[in-house]
């Protein structure tokens, strides 16, 4: 699994959390993003990216 903006791979995924609806959140640290996936692996959304602009992240 990997969204096109994340280089089609995880880079040092660090944190993972599952909410009450079985959505899985992964802090993709070296891609500077947080990914939201369904419990079966389908990508739903992603936030962040490198940089200093609004909504950018630095190693979440």
C-alpha atoms as a PDB file:
ATOM      1  CA  UNK A   1       0.000   0.000   0.000  1.00  0.00           C
ATOM      2  CA  UNK A   2       1.196   3.506  -0.657  1.00  0.00           C
ATOM      3  CA  UNK A   3      -0.340   6.723  -1.914  1.00  0.00           C
ATOM      4  CA  UNK A   4       1.319   8.281  -4.928  1.00  0.00           C
ATOM      5  CA  UNK A   5       2.439  11.297  -2.886  1.00  0.00           C
ATOM      6  CA  UNK A   6       4.295   9.123  -0.389  1.00  0.00           C
ATOM      7  CA  UNK A   7       6.565   7.413  -2.890  1.00  0.00           C
ATOM      8  CA  UNK A   8       4.483   4.214  -2.756  1.00  0.00           C
ATOM      9  CA  UNK A   9       6.067   3.086   0.510  1.00  0.00           C
ATOM     10  CA  UNK A  10       6.253   3.749   4.195  1.00  0.00           C
ATOM     11  CA  UNK A  11       9.409   5.426   5.390  1.00  0.00           C
ATOM     12  CA  UNK A  12       9.984   4.670   9.051  1.00  0.00           C
ATOM     13  CA  UNK A  13       6.369   4.295  10.188  1.00  0.00           C
ATOM     14  CA  UNK A  14       6.424   5.032  13.891  1.00  0.00           C
ATOM     15  CA  UNK A  15       2.989   5.318  15.451  1.00  0.00           C
ATOM     16  CA  UNK A  16      -0.237   3.471  14.796  1.00  0.00           C
ATOM     17  CA  UNK A  17      -3.724   3.963  16.207  1.00  0.00           C
ATOM     18  CA  UNK A  18      -7.122   2.391  15.511  1.00  0.00           C
ATOM     19  CA  UNK A  19     -10.348   4.304  16.136  1.00  0.00           C
ATOM     20  CA  UNK A  20     -13.811   3.001  17.086  1.00  0.00           C
ATOM     21  CA  UNK A  21     -14.740   2.612  13.392  1.00  0.00           C
ATOM     22  CA  UNK A  22     -11.679   0.428  12.701  1.00  0.00           C
ATOM     23  CA  UNK A  23      -9.874   3.173  10.780  1.00  0.00           C
ATOM     24  CA  UNK A  24      -6.122   2.776  11.089  1.00  0.00           C
ATOM     25  CA  UNK A  25      -3.883   5.853  11.435  1.00  0.00           C
ATOM     26  CA  UNK A  26      -0.164   5.525  10.746  1.00  0.00           C
ATOM     27  CA  UNK A  27       2.458   8.195  11.416  1.00  0.00           C
ATOM     28  CA  UNK A  28       4.680   7.793   8.348  1.00  0.00           C
ATOM     29  CA  UNK A  29       7.556   9.644   9.961  1.00  0.00           C
ATOM     30  CA  UNK A  30      10.173  10.039   7.221  1.00  0.00           C
ATOM     31  CA  UNK A  31       7.492  10.910   4.648  1.00  0.00           C
ATOM     32  CA  UNK A  32       6.204  13.592   7.075  1.00  0.00           C
ATOM     33  CA  UNK A  33       2.615  12.360   6.788  1.00  0.00           C
ATOM     34  CA  UNK A  34      -0.190  10.689   8.686  1.00  0.00           C
ATOM     35  CA  UNK A  35      -2.144   8.107   6.697  1.00  0.00           C
ATOM     36  CA  UNK A  36      -5.696   6.959   7.403  1.00  0.00           C
ATOM     37  CA  UNK A  37      -6.572   3.485   6.120  1.00  0.00           C
ATOM     38  CA  UNK A  38      -9.467   1.097   6.478  1.00  0.00           C
ATOM     39  CA  UNK A  39      -8.924  -2.047   8.504  1.00  0.00           C
ATOM     40  CA  UNK A  40      -8.489  -4.020   5.249  1.00  0.00           C
ATOM     41  CA  UNK A  41      -5.682  -1.718   4.030  1.00  0.00           C
ATOM     42  CA  UNK A  42      -7.414   0.688   1.631  1.00  0.00           C
ATOM     43  CA  UNK A  43      -6.054   4.230   1.863  1.00  0.00           C
ATOM     44  CA  UNK A  44      -8.738   6.728   2.857  1.00  0.00           C
ATOM     45  CA  UNK A  45      -6.795   9.935   3.366  1.00  0.00           C
ATOM     46  CA  UNK A  46      -3.409  11.402   4.190  1.00  0.00           C
ATOM     47  CA  UNK A  47      -2.288  14.598   5.878  1.00  0.00           C
ATOM     48  CA  UNK A  48       0.935  16.498   5.925  1.00  0.00           C
ATOM     49  CA  UNK A  49       4.059  16.509   3.850  1.00  0.00           C
ATOM     50  CA  UNK A  50       7.468  18.089   4.279  1.00  0.00           C
ATOM     51  CA  UNK A  51       7.802  21.843   4.577  1.00  0.00           C
ATOM     52  CA  UNK A  52       6.840  24.834   6.623  1.00  0.00           C
ATOM     53  CA  UNK A  53       3.456  25.642   5.064  1.00  0.00           C
ATOM     54  CA  UNK A  54       0.146  25.168   6.859  1.00  0.00           C
ATOM     55  CA  UNK A  55      -0.724  21.490   7.385  1.00  0.00           C
ATOM     56  CA  UNK A  56       2.858  20.373   6.711  1.00  0.00           C
ATOM     57  CA  UNK A  57       4.476  18.147   9.294  1.00  0.00           C
ATOM     58  CA  UNK A  58       7.948  17.457  10.499  1.00  0.00           C
ATOM     59  CA  UNK A  59       8.424  13.789  11.413  1.00  0.00           C
ATOM     60  CA  UNK A  60       5.066  13.038  13.060  1.00  0.00           C
END
